[in-house]
Amino acid sequence: GLRQVQVNAKTGWTFAAAMRSFLRADPDVIMVGEMRDYETTHTGIEASLTGHLVLSTLHTNSAPESITRMLDLGMDPFNFADALLAIIAQRLAKTLCVNCKENYTPSDEEIRALATEFIIGTTWESNDIIQQWKNQYTKNGEFQLCRAKGCKTCDNTGYKGRLGLYEMMLINPELKHLIQTKATVSHILSAALDSGMNTLKQDGIQKVLQGLTDVTQVRAVAN
């Protein structure tokens, strides 16, 4: 069954104390509200190394930055590298209203600007990315993007609802080595991109090309 408790630091019932109590029941999965201090993080890593699946949250700007944040809390890099399976960063962007959004054909300059933003931090060429997009997103050889207009359904804002932008970093042997050597964020990011990770900005641009949101919203939440 599922057990859930509310932490209360005033009585000493902290995240770490609750985790230690839960571990005595030998659970399969432990979900911790937030890894915010050494004791909680250390207990979580120890739980992971002893066969438990541990899920938690951490406030950082990106998936690679989460690694340096955890190491800054004092974690042993070798234990941390062995325990870590994946990191997912997420942001919410406004969704274009499906009732009133307008289709338009972007200029070559607009597409090239998107491609330039897409390849930041990579060794990719913008022309190669644009060609990939043409194969995936164009109709009759033309890109079709969408922009906000406004109607009664969306209170004349042009947006209704939100969608997630995601950045999922799966930990492979190369990334484990970088964690163990306390590599910089830029090195970790480069290795993650080479292994197939999309950044928040890249995922957002792909959703712009799909007509789900616009570049203004993506830039607002994933700059």
N, C-alpha and C. Protein backbone atom coordinates (compact mmCIF):
# COMPACT_ATOMS: atom_id res chain seq x y z
N GLY A 1 0.81 -1.20 0.00
CA GLY A 1 0.00 0.00 0.00
C GLY A 1 0.85 1.25 0.00
N LEU A 2 0.18 2.39 -0.07
CA LEU A 2 0.84 3.69 -0.12
C LEU A 2 0.77 4.37 1.24
N ARG A 3 1.89 4.89 1.70
CA ARG A 3 1.93 5.67 2.94
C ARG A 3 2.41 7.07 2.63
N GLN A 4 1.82 8.04 3.31
CA GLN A 4 2.20 9.43 3.10
C GLN A 4 2.22 10.15 4.43
N VAL A 5 3.24 10.98 4.65
CA VAL A 5 3.32 11.76 5.89
C VAL A 5 3.67 13.20 5.56
N GLN A 6 3.28 14.09 6.45
CA GLN A 6 3.60 15.52 6.32
C GLN A 6 4.76 15.84 7.25
N VAL A 7 5.81 16.46 6.72
CA VAL A 7 6.95 16.80 7.58
C VAL A 7 6.61 18.00 8.45
N ASN A 8 7.28 18.07 9.58
CA ASN A 8 7.09 19.19 10.51
C ASN A 8 8.42 19.43 11.22
N ALA A 9 9.18 20.37 10.71
CA ALA A 9 10.53 20.62 11.23
C ALA A 9 10.50 21.05 12.70
N LYS A 10 9.42 21.70 13.13
CA LYS A 10 9.34 22.19 14.51
C LYS A 10 9.35 21.04 15.52
N THR A 11 8.84 19.89 15.12
CA THR A 11 8.81 18.73 16.02
C THR A 11 9.94 17.75 15.72
N GLY A 12 10.82 18.12 14.79
CA GLY A 12 11.93 17.24 14.44
C GLY A 12 11.60 16.20 13.39
N TRP A 13 10.37 16.26 12.86
CA TRP A 13 9.95 15.30 11.84
C TRP A 13 10.31 15.88 10.47
N THR A 14 11.57 15.79 10.13
CA THR A 14 12.09 16.35 8.89
C THR A 14 11.99 15.33 7.76
N PHE A 15 12.35 15.77 6.54
CA PHE A 15 12.40 14.85 5.41
C PHE A 15 13.32 13.67 5.72
N ALA A 16 14.50 13.98 6.28
CA ALA A 16 15.47 12.92 6.57
C ALA A 16 14.95 11.95 7.62
N ALA A 17 14.30 12.48 8.67
CA ALA A 17 13.76 11.62 9.72
C ALA A 17 12.66 10.72 9.16
N ALA A 18 11.80 11.28 8.32
CA ALA A 18 10.73 10.48 7.72
C ALA A 18 11.30 9.39 6.82
N MET A 19 12.35 9.72 6.06
CA MET A 19 12.97 8.73 5.19
C MET A 19 13.58 7.59 5.98
N ARG A 20 14.26 7.90 7.07
CA ARG A 20 14.85 6.84 7.90
C ARG A 20 13.78 5.93 8.46
N SER A 21 12.65 6.52 8.86
CA SER A 21 11.54 5.73 9.37
C SER A 21 10.96 4.83 8.28
N PHE A 22 10.79 5.39 7.09
CA PHE A 22 10.24 4.62 5.98
C PHE A 22 11.16 3.47 5.58
N LEU A 23 12.46 3.69 5.65
CA LEU A 23 13.40 2.64 5.24
C LEU A 23 13.29 1.40 6.10
N ARG A 24 12.88 1.57 7.34
CA ARG A 24 12.71 0.41 8.21
C ARG A 24 11.58 -0.49 7.74
N ALA A 25 10.66 0.08 6.92
CA ALA A 25 9.55 -0.72 6.37
C ALA A 25 9.92 -1.36 5.03
N ASP A 26 11.15 -1.14 4.57
CA ASP A 26 11.66 -1.70 3.31
C ASP A 26 10.73 -1.43 2.13
N PRO A 27 10.49 -0.16 1.80
CA PRO A 27 9.60 0.15 0.66
C PRO A 27 10.30 -0.07 -0.68
N ASP A 28 9.51 -0.22 -1.73
CA ASP A 28 10.07 -0.32 -3.08
C ASP A 28 10.41 1.06 -3.63
N VAL A 29 9.54 2.04 -3.34
CA VAL A 29 9.69 3.39 -3.88
C VAL A 29 9.54 4.40 -2.75
N ILE A 30 10.40 5.40 -2.73
CA ILE A 30 10.30 6.50 -1.77
C ILE A 30 10.25 7.81 -2.56
N MET A 31 9.25 8.63 -2.28
CA MET A 31 9.16 9.94 -2.92
C MET A 31 9.30 11.03 -1.87
N VAL A 32 10.31 11.87 -2.04
CA VAL A 32 10.62 12.93 -1.08
C VAL A 32 10.27 14.27 -1.71
N GLY A 33 9.59 15.12 -0.96
CA GLY A 33 9.15 16.39 -1.51
C GLY A 33 10.26 17.23 -2.08
N GLU A 34 11.40 17.31 -1.38
CA GLU A 34 12.49 18.15 -1.87
C GLU A 34 13.80 17.75 -1.20
N MET A 35 14.86 17.71 -1.99
CA MET A 35 16.21 17.51 -1.45
C MET A 35 16.81 18.89 -1.21
N ARG A 36 16.79 19.33 0.05
CA ARG A 36 17.21 20.71 0.31
C ARG A 36 18.40 20.81 1.27
N ASP A 37 18.84 19.69 1.85
CA ASP A 37 19.97 19.76 2.78
C ASP A 37 20.79 18.48 2.70
N TYR A 38 21.94 18.50 3.38
CA TYR A 38 22.86 17.37 3.31
C TYR A 38 22.23 16.09 3.85
N GLU A 39 21.58 16.18 5.01
CA GLU A 39 21.06 14.98 5.66
C GLU A 39 20.02 14.27 4.79
N THR A 40 19.09 15.05 4.23
CA THR A 40 18.05 14.46 3.38
C THR A 40 18.66 13.84 2.13
N THR A 41 19.55 14.57 1.49
CA THR A 41 20.17 14.09 0.26
C THR A 41 21.02 12.85 0.51
N HIS A 42 21.80 12.87 1.58
CA HIS A 42 22.64 11.72 1.92
C HIS A 42 21.78 10.48 2.19
N THR A 43 20.69 10.65 2.93
CA THR A 43 19.80 9.53 3.22
C THR A 43 19.17 8.99 1.94
N GLY A 44 18.80 9.91 1.04
CA GLY A 44 18.21 9.49 -0.23
C GLY A 44 19.17 8.68 -1.08
N ILE A 45 20.43 9.11 -1.13
CA ILE A 45 21.43 8.38 -1.90
C ILE A 45 21.70 7.02 -1.29
N GLU A 46 21.80 6.96 0.03
CA GLU A 46 22.01 5.68 0.70
C GLU A 46 20.84 4.73 0.42
N ALA A 47 19.63 5.27 0.42
CA ALA A 47 18.45 4.44 0.13
C ALA A 47 18.50 3.91 -1.29
N SER A 48 18.93 4.75 -2.22
CA SER A 48 19.03 4.33 -3.61
C SER A 48 20.07 3.24 -3.79
N LEU A 49 21.19 3.37 -3.10
CA LEU A 49 22.27 2.39 -3.22
C LEU A 49 21.92 1.05 -2.60
N THR A 50 20.90 1.02 -1.76
CA THR A 50 20.47 -0.25 -1.14
C THR A 50 19.23 -0.83 -1.81
N GLY A 51 18.95 -0.38 -3.05
CA GLY A 51 17.93 -1.05 -3.84
C GLY A 51 16.57 -0.40 -3.88
N HIS A 52 16.43 0.82 -3.34
CA HIS A 52 15.14 1.51 -3.37
C HIS A 52 15.14 2.54 -4.50
N LEU A 53 13.98 2.70 -5.14
CA LEU A 53 13.82 3.75 -6.14
C LEU A 53 13.42 5.03 -5.41
N VAL A 54 14.26 6.06 -5.49
CA VAL A 54 14.01 7.32 -4.78
C VAL A 54 13.71 8.41 -5.79
N LEU A 55 12.58 9.08 -5.61
CA LEU A 55 12.16 10.20 -6.46
C LEU A 55 12.11 11.46 -5.61
N SER A 56 12.59 12.57 -6.16
CA SER A 56 12.54 13.82 -5.40
C SER A 56 12.60 15.01 -6.34
N THR A 57 12.54 16.21 -5.77
CA THR A 57 12.62 17.44 -6.55
C THR A 57 13.77 18.29 -6.03
N LEU A 58 14.22 19.20 -6.89
CA LEU A 58 15.31 20.10 -6.55
C LEU A 58 15.14 21.36 -7.39
N HIS A 59 15.36 22.52 -6.79
CA HIS A 59 15.17 23.77 -7.51
C HIS A 59 16.47 24.22 -8.15
N THR A 60 16.58 24.01 -9.47
CA THR A 60 17.72 24.49 -10.25
C THR A 60 17.21 24.95 -11.61
N ASN A 61 18.10 25.49 -12.42
CA ASN A 61 17.69 26.01 -13.73
C ASN A 61 17.67 24.98 -14.84
N SER A 62 18.40 23.88 -14.66
CA SER A 62 18.49 22.87 -15.72
C SER A 62 18.88 21.54 -15.11
N ALA A 63 18.78 20.48 -15.91
CA ALA A 63 19.17 19.15 -15.44
C ALA A 63 20.66 19.09 -15.10
N PRO A 64 21.57 19.57 -15.96
CA PRO A 64 23.00 19.51 -15.60
C PRO A 64 23.34 20.29 -14.33
N GLU A 65 22.66 21.42 -14.10
CA GLU A 65 22.94 22.21 -12.90
C GLU A 65 22.51 21.48 -11.64
N SER A 66 21.56 20.55 -11.76
CA SER A 66 21.14 19.77 -10.59
C SER A 66 22.28 18.94 -10.04
N ILE A 67 23.15 18.46 -10.92
CA ILE A 67 24.28 17.64 -10.48
C ILE A 67 25.23 18.46 -9.62
N THR A 68 25.62 19.64 -10.09
CA THR A 68 26.53 20.47 -9.31
C THR A 68 25.88 20.95 -8.02
N ARG A 69 24.58 21.17 -8.05
CA ARG A 69 23.86 21.57 -6.82
C ARG A 69 23.94 20.46 -5.78
N MET A 70 23.73 19.22 -6.19
CA MET A 70 23.80 18.09 -5.25
C MET A 70 25.22 17.93 -4.71
N LEU A 71 26.20 18.07 -5.57
CA LEU A 71 27.59 17.95 -5.11
C LEU A 71 27.95 19.08 -4.15
N ASP A 72 27.39 20.27 -4.38
CA ASP A 72 27.63 21.40 -3.49
C ASP A 72 27.05 21.16 -2.10
N LEU A 73 26.05 20.28 -2.02
CA LEU A 73 25.47 19.94 -0.71
C LEU A 73 26.39 19.02 0.09
N GLY A 74 27.47 18.56 -0.54
CA GLY A 74 28.44 17.73 0.17
C GLY A 74 28.36 16.25 -0.15
N MET A 75 27.69 15.90 -1.23
CA MET A 75 27.55 14.49 -1.57
C MET A 75 28.87 13.90 -2.07
N ASP A 76 29.12 12.64 -1.72
CA ASP A 76 30.26 11.93 -2.28
C ASP A 76 30.02 11.70 -3.76
N PRO A 77 30.89 12.18 -4.64
CA PRO A 77 30.62 12.09 -6.08
C PRO A 77 30.52 10.66 -6.61
N PHE A 78 31.24 9.73 -5.99
CA PHE A 78 31.20 8.35 -6.47
C PHE A 78 29.88 7.68 -6.09
N ASN A 79 29.45 7.86 -4.84
CA ASN A 79 28.15 7.31 -4.44
C ASN A 79 27.01 7.96 -5.21
N PHE A 80 27.11 9.27 -5.40
CA PHE A 80 26.07 9.99 -6.13
C PHE A 80 25.98 9.49 -7.57
N ALA A 81 27.12 9.32 -8.22
CA ALA A 81 27.14 8.83 -9.60
C ALA A 81 26.53 7.44 -9.71
N ASP A 82 26.83 6.58 -8.74
CA ASP A 82 26.29 5.22 -8.76
C ASP A 82 24.79 5.21 -8.52
N ALA A 83 24.30 6.14 -7.71
CA ALA A 83 22.88 6.14 -7.33
C ALA A 83 21.98 6.77 -8.38
N LEU A 84 22.52 7.73 -9.14
CA LEU A 84 21.67 8.54 -10.02
C LEU A 84 21.30 7.80 -11.30
N LEU A 85 20.00 7.81 -11.63
CA LEU A 85 19.50 7.20 -12.87
C LEU A 85 19.15 8.24 -13.92
N ALA A 86 18.47 9.30 -13.52
CA ALA A 86 18.00 10.30 -14.49
C ALA A 86 17.62 11.58 -13.76
N ILE A 87 17.65 12.69 -14.51
CA ILE A 87 17.18 13.98 -14.01
C ILE A 87 16.25 14.57 -15.07
N ILE A 88 15.10 15.05 -14.63
CA ILE A 88 14.16 15.68 -15.55
C ILE A 88 13.91 17.12 -15.08
N ALA A 89 14.19 18.08 -15.95
CA ALA A 89 13.84 19.48 -15.69
C ALA A 89 12.57 19.80 -16.46
N GLN A 90 11.75 20.68 -15.91
CA GLN A 90 10.50 21.02 -16.60
C GLN A 90 10.11 22.47 -16.36
N ARG A 91 9.42 23.02 -17.33
CA ARG A 91 8.84 24.36 -17.24
C ARG A 91 7.45 24.30 -17.87
N LEU A 92 6.59 25.22 -17.50
CA LEU A 92 5.26 25.31 -18.10
C LEU A 92 5.19 26.55 -18.99
N ALA A 93 4.73 26.36 -20.21
CA ALA A 93 4.54 27.46 -21.16
C ALA A 93 3.07 27.55 -21.53
N LYS A 94 2.61 28.75 -21.84
CA LYS A 94 1.21 28.92 -22.25
C LYS A 94 0.97 28.25 -23.60
N THR A 95 -0.19 27.61 -23.71
CA THR A 95 -0.59 26.95 -24.95
C THR A 95 -1.43 27.90 -25.79
N LEU A 96 -1.18 27.95 -27.08
CA LEU A 96 -2.01 28.76 -27.97
C LEU A 96 -3.44 28.23 -27.98
N CYS A 97 -4.40 29.13 -27.94
CA CYS A 97 -5.81 28.75 -27.97
C CYS A 97 -6.12 28.03 -29.28
N VAL A 98 -6.66 26.83 -29.18
CA VAL A 98 -6.93 26.04 -30.39
C VAL A 98 -8.08 26.62 -31.21
N ASN A 99 -8.90 27.47 -30.58
CA ASN A 99 -10.06 28.03 -31.29
C ASN A 99 -9.71 29.24 -32.14
N CYS A 100 -8.63 29.92 -31.81
CA CYS A 100 -8.37 31.17 -32.53
C CYS A 100 -6.94 31.35 -33.02
N LYS A 101 -6.05 30.42 -32.73
CA LYS A 101 -4.67 30.61 -33.17
C LYS A 101 -4.59 30.70 -34.69
N GLU A 102 -3.69 31.54 -35.17
CA GLU A 102 -3.56 31.79 -36.61
C GLU A 102 -2.32 31.09 -37.16
N ASN A 103 -2.50 30.44 -38.29
CA ASN A 103 -1.35 29.87 -39.00
C ASN A 103 -0.70 30.96 -39.85
N TYR A 104 0.62 30.90 -39.96
CA TYR A 104 1.32 31.81 -40.85
C TYR A 104 2.61 31.15 -41.34
N THR A 105 3.11 31.64 -42.45
CA THR A 105 4.36 31.13 -43.00
C THR A 105 5.51 32.01 -42.53
N PRO A 106 6.41 31.49 -41.71
CA PRO A 106 7.51 32.31 -41.19
C PRO A 106 8.53 32.63 -42.28
N SER A 107 9.25 33.71 -42.10
CA SER A 107 10.31 34.07 -43.05
C SER A 107 11.52 33.16 -42.83
N ASP A 108 12.39 33.13 -43.82
CA ASP A 108 13.63 32.36 -43.69
C ASP A 108 14.45 32.86 -42.51
N GLU A 109 14.42 34.17 -42.27
CA GLU A 109 15.17 34.75 -41.16
C GLU A 109 14.64 34.26 -39.82
N GLU A 110 13.31 34.12 -39.72
CA GLU A 110 12.72 33.64 -38.46
C GLU A 110 13.11 32.19 -38.19
N ILE A 111 13.08 31.36 -39.22
CA ILE A 111 13.48 29.97 -39.05
C ILE A 111 14.96 29.87 -38.70
N ARG A 112 15.77 30.69 -39.35
CA ARG A 112 17.21 30.65 -39.06
C ARG A 112 17.49 31.13 -37.63
N ALA A 113 16.72 32.10 -37.15
CA ALA A 113 16.89 32.56 -35.77
C ALA A 113 16.53 31.46 -34.78
N LEU A 114 15.46 30.71 -35.08
CA LEU A 114 15.09 29.58 -34.23
C LEU A 114 16.20 28.53 -34.22
N ALA A 115 16.75 28.25 -35.39
CA ALA A 115 17.82 27.25 -35.48
C ALA A 115 19.06 27.70 -34.71
N THR A 116 19.36 29.00 -34.77
CA THR A 116 20.51 29.54 -34.04
C THR A 116 20.33 29.35 -32.54
N GLU A 117 19.12 29.61 -32.04
CA GLU A 117 18.84 29.38 -30.62
C GLU A 117 18.89 27.89 -30.28
N PHE A 118 18.43 27.06 -31.21
CA PHE A 118 18.34 25.62 -30.97
C PHE A 118 19.72 25.00 -30.77
N ILE A 119 20.74 25.50 -31.45
CA ILE A 119 22.06 24.86 -31.41
C ILE A 119 23.00 25.46 -30.37
N ILE A 120 22.52 26.39 -29.56
CA ILE A 120 23.36 26.98 -28.52
C ILE A 120 23.89 25.88 -27.59
N GLY A 121 25.19 25.89 -27.36
CA GLY A 121 25.81 24.90 -26.49
C GLY A 121 26.18 23.61 -27.18
N THR A 122 25.95 23.53 -28.49
CA THR A 122 26.25 22.32 -29.25
C THR A 122 27.29 22.62 -30.32
N THR A 123 27.72 21.58 -31.01
CA THR A 123 28.62 21.75 -32.15
C THR A 123 27.87 21.56 -33.46
N TRP A 124 26.54 21.59 -33.40
CA TRP A 124 25.72 21.37 -34.59
C TRP A 124 25.75 22.59 -35.50
N GLU A 125 25.39 22.36 -36.76
CA GLU A 125 25.28 23.43 -37.74
C GLU A 125 23.81 23.78 -37.95
N SER A 126 23.52 25.07 -38.02
CA SER A 126 22.13 25.50 -38.17
C SER A 126 21.51 24.99 -39.47
N ASN A 127 22.31 24.92 -40.54
CA ASN A 127 21.77 24.42 -41.81
C ASN A 127 21.32 22.97 -41.71
N ASP A 128 22.08 22.17 -40.95
CA ASP A 128 21.70 20.76 -40.77
C ASP A 128 20.40 20.65 -39.99
N ILE A 129 20.25 21.50 -38.96
CA ILE A 129 19.02 21.48 -38.16
C ILE A 129 17.83 21.91 -39.00
N ILE A 130 18.00 22.95 -39.80
CA ILE A 130 16.90 23.42 -40.65
C ILE A 130 16.48 22.32 -41.63
N GLN A 131 17.44 21.59 -42.16
CA GLN A 131 17.10 20.51 -43.09
C GLN A 131 16.32 19.41 -42.37
N GLN A 132 16.72 19.09 -41.15
CA GLN A 132 15.97 18.11 -40.36
C GLN A 132 14.54 18.59 -40.13
N TRP A 133 14.41 19.86 -39.80
CA TRP A 133 13.07 20.42 -39.58
C TRP A 133 12.23 20.36 -40.85
N LYS A 134 12.85 20.63 -42.00
CA LYS A 134 12.10 20.58 -43.26
C LYS A 134 11.54 19.18 -43.50
N ASN A 135 12.33 18.18 -43.16
CA ASN A 135 11.87 16.80 -43.35
C ASN A 135 10.76 16.43 -42.38
N GLN A 136 10.75 17.08 -41.22
CA GLN A 136 9.82 16.69 -40.16
C GLN A 136 8.58 17.58 -40.05
N TYR A 137 8.74 18.87 -40.30
CA TYR A 137 7.67 19.81 -39.95
C TYR A 137 7.03 20.55 -41.12
N THR A 138 7.61 20.51 -42.31
CA THR A 138 7.06 21.32 -43.40
C THR A 138 5.93 20.61 -44.13
N LYS A 139 5.06 21.43 -44.73
CA LYS A 139 4.00 20.93 -45.60
C LYS A 139 4.21 21.55 -46.97
N ASN A 140 4.38 20.70 -47.96
CA ASN A 140 4.66 21.16 -49.33
C ASN A 140 5.89 22.07 -49.37
N GLY A 141 6.85 21.75 -48.51
CA GLY A 141 8.11 22.50 -48.51
C GLY A 141 8.09 23.79 -47.72
N GLU A 142 6.96 24.12 -47.06
CA GLU A 142 6.87 25.38 -46.31
C GLU A 142 6.61 25.10 -44.83
N PHE A 143 7.26 25.90 -43.98
CA PHE A 143 6.97 25.84 -42.56
C PHE A 143 5.66 26.56 -42.28
N GLN A 144 4.90 26.04 -41.32
CA GLN A 144 3.68 26.69 -40.86
C GLN A 144 3.75 26.81 -39.34
N LEU A 145 3.87 28.04 -38.85
CA LEU A 145 3.84 28.30 -37.42
C LEU A 145 2.50 28.89 -37.03
N CYS A 146 2.30 29.05 -35.74
CA CYS A 146 1.03 29.62 -35.25
C CYS A 146 1.33 30.78 -34.31
N ARG A 147 0.37 31.73 -34.27
CA ARG A 147 0.51 32.86 -33.36
C ARG A 147 -0.82 33.14 -32.68
N ALA A 148 -0.74 33.86 -31.57
CA ALA A 148 -1.93 34.16 -30.78
C ALA A 148 -2.80 35.22 -31.47
N LYS A 149 -4.12 35.09 -31.29
CA LYS A 149 -5.05 36.07 -31.82
C LYS A 149 -5.96 36.60 -30.72
N GLY A 150 -6.79 35.73 -30.16
CA GLY A 150 -7.70 36.14 -29.09
C GLY A 150 -9.15 35.93 -29.47
N CYS A 151 -9.92 35.34 -28.56
CA CYS A 151 -11.35 35.12 -28.78
C CYS A 151 -12.04 34.99 -27.42
N LYS A 152 -13.35 34.78 -27.43
CA LYS A 152 -14.09 34.66 -26.17
C LYS A 152 -13.63 33.45 -25.36
N THR A 153 -13.28 32.38 -26.06
CA THR A 153 -12.87 31.16 -25.36
C THR A 153 -11.65 31.38 -24.48
N CYS A 154 -10.72 32.21 -24.95
CA CYS A 154 -9.48 32.44 -24.20
C CYS A 154 -9.45 33.83 -23.56
N ASP A 155 -10.62 34.47 -23.45
CA ASP A 155 -10.71 35.83 -22.88
C ASP A 155 -9.83 36.81 -23.64
N ASN A 156 -9.75 36.61 -24.95
CA ASN A 156 -9.00 37.49 -25.85
C ASN A 156 -7.51 37.58 -25.52
N THR A 157 -6.98 36.53 -24.90
CA THR A 157 -5.54 36.50 -24.60
C THR A 157 -4.74 35.79 -25.69
N GLY A 158 -5.41 34.91 -26.43
CA GLY A 158 -4.71 34.11 -27.42
C GLY A 158 -4.14 32.82 -26.88
N TYR A 159 -4.24 32.64 -25.56
CA TYR A 159 -3.68 31.44 -24.92
C TYR A 159 -4.72 30.80 -24.02
N LYS A 160 -4.69 29.47 -23.96
CA LYS A 160 -5.59 28.75 -23.06
C LYS A 160 -4.91 27.45 -22.63
N GLY A 161 -4.64 27.35 -21.34
CA GLY A 161 -3.96 26.17 -20.83
C GLY A 161 -2.45 26.30 -20.90
N ARG A 162 -1.80 25.27 -20.41
CA ARG A 162 -0.33 25.25 -20.42
C ARG A 162 0.17 23.88 -20.87
N LEU A 163 1.38 23.86 -21.37
CA LEU A 163 2.01 22.59 -21.73
C LEU A 163 3.41 22.55 -21.16
N GLY A 164 3.92 21.35 -20.95
CA GLY A 164 5.23 21.19 -20.35
C GLY A 164 6.35 21.22 -21.37
N LEU A 165 7.45 21.85 -20.97
CA LEU A 165 8.71 21.76 -21.70
C LEU A 165 9.63 20.90 -20.84
N TYR A 166 10.26 19.92 -21.44
CA TYR A 166 11.01 18.94 -20.65
C TYR A 166 12.46 18.79 -21.12
N GLU A 167 13.30 18.47 -20.16
CA GLU A 167 14.73 18.23 -20.40
C GLU A 167 15.09 16.99 -19.60
N MET A 168 15.27 15.86 -20.27
CA MET A 168 15.51 14.59 -19.58
C MET A 168 16.93 14.10 -19.83
N MET A 169 17.70 14.02 -18.76
CA MET A 169 19.08 13.57 -18.85
C MET A 169 19.20 12.18 -18.24
N LEU A 170 19.43 11.17 -19.09
CA LEU A 170 19.65 9.80 -18.64
C LEU A 170 21.13 9.62 -18.35
N ILE A 171 21.44 9.05 -17.20
CA ILE A 171 22.83 8.95 -16.77
C ILE A 171 23.49 7.72 -17.39
N ASN A 172 24.50 7.96 -18.22
CA ASN A 172 25.25 6.89 -18.87
C ASN A 172 26.67 6.85 -18.28
N PRO A 173 27.50 5.89 -18.69
CA PRO A 173 28.86 5.79 -18.11
C PRO A 173 29.68 7.07 -18.24
N GLU A 174 29.56 7.77 -19.37
CA GLU A 174 30.33 9.01 -19.54
C GLU A 174 29.89 10.07 -18.54
N LEU A 175 28.58 10.21 -18.34
CA LEU A 175 28.09 11.19 -17.37
C LEU A 175 28.47 10.79 -15.95
N LYS A 176 28.45 9.49 -15.64
CA LYS A 176 28.89 9.03 -14.32
C LYS A 176 30.34 9.46 -14.07
N HIS A 177 31.18 9.30 -15.08
CA HIS A 177 32.59 9.69 -14.93
C HIS A 177 32.71 11.20 -14.69
N LEU A 178 31.91 11.99 -15.40
CA LEU A 178 31.96 13.44 -15.21
C LEU A 178 31.50 13.84 -13.82
N ILE A 179 30.50 13.12 -13.29
CA ILE A 179 30.05 13.39 -11.92
C ILE A 179 31.15 13.06 -10.93
N GLN A 180 31.80 11.92 -11.13
CA GLN A 180 32.86 11.49 -10.21
C GLN A 180 34.04 12.45 -10.20
N THR A 181 34.30 13.09 -11.33
CA THR A 181 35.42 14.04 -11.42
C THR A 181 34.98 15.48 -11.18
N LYS A 182 33.73 15.66 -10.78
CA LYS A 182 33.18 16.99 -10.49
C LYS A 182 33.37 17.94 -11.66
N ALA A 183 32.97 17.50 -12.83
CA ALA A 183 33.10 18.30 -14.04
C ALA A 183 32.20 19.53 -13.97
N THR A 184 32.50 20.51 -14.81
CA THR A 184 31.71 21.73 -14.85
C THR A 184 30.35 21.48 -15.50
N VAL A 185 29.44 22.41 -15.29
CA VAL A 185 28.11 22.29 -15.90
C VAL A 185 28.20 22.24 -17.42
N SER A 186 29.10 23.04 -17.99
CA SER A 186 29.21 23.07 -19.45
C SER A 186 29.68 21.73 -20.01
N HIS A 187 30.59 21.06 -19.32
CA HIS A 187 31.05 19.75 -19.76
C HIS A 187 29.93 18.71 -19.64
N ILE A 188 29.19 18.77 -18.55
CA ILE A 188 28.08 17.84 -18.35
C ILE A 188 27.01 18.07 -19.42
N LEU A 189 26.71 19.34 -19.69
CA LEU A 189 25.71 19.67 -20.71
C LEU A 189 26.14 19.15 -22.07
N SER A 190 27.40 19.35 -22.43
CA SER A 190 27.89 18.91 -23.73
C SER A 190 27.77 17.39 -23.88
N ALA A 191 28.13 16.66 -22.83
CA ALA A 191 28.04 15.20 -22.89
C ALA A 191 26.59 14.74 -22.95
N ALA A 192 25.71 15.42 -22.23
CA ALA A 192 24.29 15.05 -22.25
C ALA A 192 23.68 15.30 -23.62
N LEU A 193 24.04 16.41 -24.25
CA LEU A 193 23.55 16.70 -25.60
C LEU A 193 24.05 15.67 -26.60
N ASP A 194 25.30 15.27 -26.46
CA ASP A 194 25.86 14.26 -27.36
C ASP A 194 25.16 12.91 -27.20
N SER A 195 24.62 12.66 -26.00
CA SER A 195 23.95 11.38 -25.75
C SER A 195 22.46 11.43 -26.09
N GLY A 196 21.99 12.58 -26.61
CA GLY A 196 20.62 12.65 -27.10
C GLY A 196 19.65 13.49 -26.30
N MET A 197 20.11 14.17 -25.26
CA MET A 197 19.22 15.01 -24.47
C MET A 197 18.82 16.26 -25.23
N ASN A 198 17.58 16.66 -25.10
CA ASN A 198 17.11 17.97 -25.58
C ASN A 198 17.04 18.92 -24.40
N THR A 199 17.49 20.15 -24.58
CA THR A 199 17.35 21.15 -23.53
C THR A 199 15.91 21.64 -23.47
N LEU A 200 15.59 22.39 -22.41
CA LEU A 200 14.26 22.99 -22.30
C LEU A 200 13.96 23.88 -23.50
N LYS A 201 14.95 24.68 -23.92
CA LYS A 201 14.77 25.56 -25.07
C LYS A 201 14.53 24.75 -26.34
N GLN A 202 15.28 23.68 -26.53
CA GLN A 202 15.11 22.85 -27.73
C GLN A 202 13.74 22.19 -27.76
N ASP A 203 13.30 21.67 -26.62
CA ASP A 203 11.97 21.06 -26.57
C ASP A 203 10.90 22.11 -26.86
N GLY A 204 11.10 23.32 -26.33
CA GLY A 204 10.15 24.39 -26.59
C GLY A 204 10.09 24.78 -28.06
N ILE A 205 11.25 24.89 -28.71
CA ILE A 205 11.27 25.24 -30.13
C ILE A 205 10.59 24.17 -30.97
N GLN A 206 10.78 22.91 -30.60
CA GLN A 206 10.09 21.84 -31.32
C GLN A 206 8.58 21.97 -31.19
N LYS A 207 8.11 22.43 -30.03
CA LYS A 207 6.68 22.60 -29.84
C LYS A 207 6.17 23.86 -30.54
N VAL A 208 7.06 24.83 -30.75
CA VAL A 208 6.71 25.97 -31.61
C VAL A 208 6.50 25.49 -33.04
N LEU A 209 7.39 24.65 -33.52
CA LEU A 209 7.29 24.12 -34.88
C LEU A 209 6.06 23.23 -35.06
N GLN A 210 5.56 22.67 -33.96
CA GLN A 210 4.35 21.85 -34.00
C GLN A 210 3.08 22.70 -33.90
N GLY A 211 3.23 24.01 -33.66
CA GLY A 211 2.08 24.90 -33.56
C GLY A 211 1.38 24.88 -32.23
N LEU A 212 2.05 24.37 -31.18
CA LEU A 212 1.42 24.26 -29.87
C LEU A 212 1.56 25.53 -29.04
N THR A 213 2.65 26.25 -29.23
CA THR A 213 2.90 27.49 -28.51
C THR A 213 3.70 28.41 -29.43
N ASP A 214 4.12 29.55 -28.93
CA ASP A 214 4.92 30.45 -29.77
C ASP A 214 6.27 30.72 -29.11
N VAL A 215 7.16 31.30 -29.87
CA VAL A 215 8.53 31.46 -29.40
C VAL A 215 8.61 32.46 -28.24
N THR A 216 7.67 33.39 -28.16
CA THR A 216 7.66 34.34 -27.05
C THR A 216 7.51 33.62 -25.72
N GLN A 217 6.60 32.65 -25.68
CA GLN A 217 6.37 31.88 -24.47
C GLN A 217 7.58 31.01 -24.12
N VAL A 218 8.19 30.42 -25.13
CA VAL A 218 9.36 29.57 -24.89
C VAL A 218 10.51 30.40 -24.33
N ARG A 219 10.75 31.56 -24.91
CA ARG A 219 11.83 32.41 -24.43
C ARG A 219 11.57 32.91 -23.01
N ALA A 220 10.30 33.06 -22.66
CA ALA A 220 9.95 33.57 -21.34
C ALA A 220 10.28 32.57 -20.23
N VAL A 221 10.17 31.28 -20.53
CA VAL A 221 10.35 30.27 -19.48
C VAL A 221 11.63 29.46 -19.64
N ALA A 222 12.28 29.55 -20.80
CA ALA A 222 13.49 28.73 -21.05
C ALA A 222 14.54 29.58 -21.75
N ASN A 223 15.05 30.58 -21.02
CA ASN A 223 16.03 31.46 -21.65
C ASN A 223 17.45 31.04 -21.30
